[in-house]
Amino acid sequence: MSAEATKADAERRAKRIVDNWSKANLFTGWIPGAALALGAADMLMIRQVGEAFGIPAFDEDALKAHLGGVMGSVGGAVVAEAVGVVPLVGWAVKSYALKMKADALGKAVIDYFRQRSPLPD
């Protein structure tokens, strides 16, 4: 996909991308092992947001430094999977936690790429 015409257009598109990935986390997060797979899907979301802002390639280390504690860790995925062992309530908590993680990550990534985008305001 190509970049949008302005940063405002890119931000609207990026918010739709993040919203779609957050919903994917919510609706599939209850599945055993989903936390690890959705962690990998976060990278795809990040790349799609970057492309929306006209940044198809970026320095992953700089992005990680910007995101700080927002980036999900393997430990977080393990905790999410442990909570998911409890039927029904654990599944719901795990799915909601993964959705909130995707939302927080998405907001931080949008901020990162908006600041660096070559698109006009």
Protein backbone atom coordinates (compact mmCIF):
# COMPACT_ATOMS: atom_id res chain seq x y z
CA MET A 1 0.00 0.00 0.00
CA SER A 2 1.10 3.52 -0.62
CA ALA A 3 1.34 6.38 1.82
CA GLU A 4 -1.50 8.83 2.29
CA ALA A 5 -1.40 12.43 1.00
CA THR A 6 -1.05 14.17 4.38
CA LYS A 7 -0.15 13.29 7.96
CA ALA A 8 -3.80 13.72 8.96
CA ASP A 9 -4.87 11.20 6.28
CA ALA A 10 -2.11 8.83 7.38
CA GLU A 11 -3.16 9.14 11.01
CA ARG A 12 -6.78 8.27 10.16
CA ARG A 13 -5.61 5.23 8.20
CA ALA A 14 -3.19 4.23 10.97
CA LYS A 15 -5.94 4.43 13.58
CA ARG A 16 -8.09 2.10 11.45
CA ILE A 17 -5.15 -0.32 11.17
CA VAL A 18 -4.58 -0.29 14.93
CA ASP A 19 -8.31 -0.68 15.61
CA ASN A 20 -8.48 -3.73 13.33
CA TRP A 21 -5.46 -5.36 14.99
CA SER A 22 -6.85 -4.57 18.46
CA LYS A 23 -10.11 -6.29 17.54
CA ALA A 24 -8.14 -9.26 16.22
CA ASN A 25 -6.42 -9.46 19.62
CA LEU A 26 -9.75 -9.26 21.43
CA PHE A 27 -11.48 -11.93 19.35
CA THR A 28 -8.58 -14.40 19.11
CA GLY A 29 -6.73 -13.75 22.35
CA TRP A 30 -8.54 -16.51 24.22
CA ILE A 31 -6.98 -19.22 22.02
CA PRO A 32 -4.12 -21.10 23.72
CA GLY A 33 -0.78 -19.80 22.40
CA ALA A 34 -2.39 -16.69 20.90
CA ALA A 35 -0.32 -14.26 22.98
CA LEU A 36 2.87 -15.42 21.30
CA ALA A 37 1.36 -15.36 17.80
CA LEU A 38 -0.22 -11.95 18.36
CA GLY A 39 3.14 -10.64 19.56
CA ALA A 40 4.50 -11.49 16.11
CA ALA A 41 1.44 -9.86 14.54
CA ASP A 42 2.35 -6.63 16.34
CA MET A 43 5.32 -6.28 13.99
CA LEU A 44 3.00 -6.49 11.01
CA MET A 45 0.78 -3.79 12.52
CA ILE A 46 3.84 -1.59 13.09
CA ARG A 47 4.95 -2.02 9.47
CA GLN A 48 1.47 -1.19 8.17
CA VAL A 49 1.35 1.99 10.27
CA GLY A 50 4.82 2.96 9.02
CA GLU A 51 3.72 2.49 5.42
CA ALA A 52 0.65 4.67 6.02
CA PHE A 53 3.00 7.48 7.07
CA GLY A 54 5.29 6.93 4.07
CA ILE A 55 7.97 5.10 6.06
CA PRO A 56 8.19 1.56 4.65
CA ALA A 57 11.59 0.87 6.27
CA PHE A 58 12.70 2.04 9.70
CA ASP A 59 15.29 1.51 12.41
CA GLU A 60 13.73 -1.12 14.71
CA ASP A 61 16.17 -0.32 17.52
CA ALA A 62 15.20 3.37 17.49
CA LEU A 63 11.53 2.39 17.52
CA LYS A 64 12.05 0.04 20.46
CA ALA A 65 13.85 2.80 22.36
CA HIS A 66 10.94 5.18 21.68
CA LEU A 67 8.36 2.64 22.78
CA GLY A 68 10.18 1.75 25.98
CA GLY A 69 7.96 -0.38 28.18
CA VAL A 70 5.04 -0.43 25.76
CA MET A 71 6.54 -3.24 23.70
CA GLY A 72 5.20 -6.59 24.78
CA SER A 73 7.76 -8.97 26.15
CA VAL A 74 7.98 -12.73 26.13
CA GLY A 75 7.35 -12.56 29.88
CA GLY A 76 4.10 -10.69 29.27
CA ALA A 77 3.02 -13.33 26.77
CA VAL A 78 3.78 -16.06 29.29
CA VAL A 79 1.71 -14.30 31.96
CA ALA A 80 -1.15 -13.85 29.48
CA GLU A 81 -1.02 -17.54 28.62
CA ALA A 82 -1.00 -18.44 32.34
CA VAL A 83 -4.14 -16.36 32.94
CA GLY A 84 -5.71 -18.01 29.91
CA VAL A 85 -5.52 -21.40 31.58
CA VAL A 86 -8.57 -20.47 33.67
CA PRO A 87 -11.66 -21.24 31.56
CA LEU A 88 -14.05 -18.43 30.63
CA VAL A 89 -12.95 -15.68 33.05
CA GLY A 90 -9.26 -16.23 32.29
CA TRP A 91 -9.94 -16.29 28.57
CA ALA A 92 -11.88 -13.02 28.76
CA VAL A 93 -9.17 -11.34 30.86
CA LYS A 94 -6.44 -12.56 28.53
CA SER A 95 -8.29 -11.36 25.39
CA TYR A 96 -9.00 -7.95 26.91
CA ALA A 97 -5.40 -7.55 28.12
CA LEU A 98 -4.07 -8.38 24.64
CA LYS A 99 -6.48 -5.87 23.08
CA MET A 100 -5.35 -3.13 25.49
CA LYS A 101 -1.70 -3.97 24.74
CA ALA A 102 -2.35 -3.62 21.00
CA ASP A 103 -4.14 -0.28 21.57
CA ALA A 104 -1.28 1.12 23.67
CA LEU A 105 1.34 -0.12 21.24
CA GLY A 106 -0.61 1.26 18.29
CA LYS A 107 -0.94 4.73 19.84
CA ALA A 108 2.78 4.86 20.59
CA VAL A 109 3.68 3.69 17.07
CA ILE A 110 1.36 6.26 15.46
CA ASP A 111 3.07 8.98 17.51
CA TYR A 112 6.52 7.69 16.51
CA PHE A 113 5.81 7.59 12.77
CA ARG A 114 3.83 10.87 12.74
CA GLN A 115 6.88 12.68 14.14
CA ARG A 116 9.14 11.18 11.45
CA SER A 117 6.81 11.19 8.45
CA PRO A 118 7.90 13.00 5.29
CA LEU A 119 4.25 13.76 4.49
CA PRO A 120 3.01 17.35 4.67
CA ASP A 121 0.84 18.41 7.59
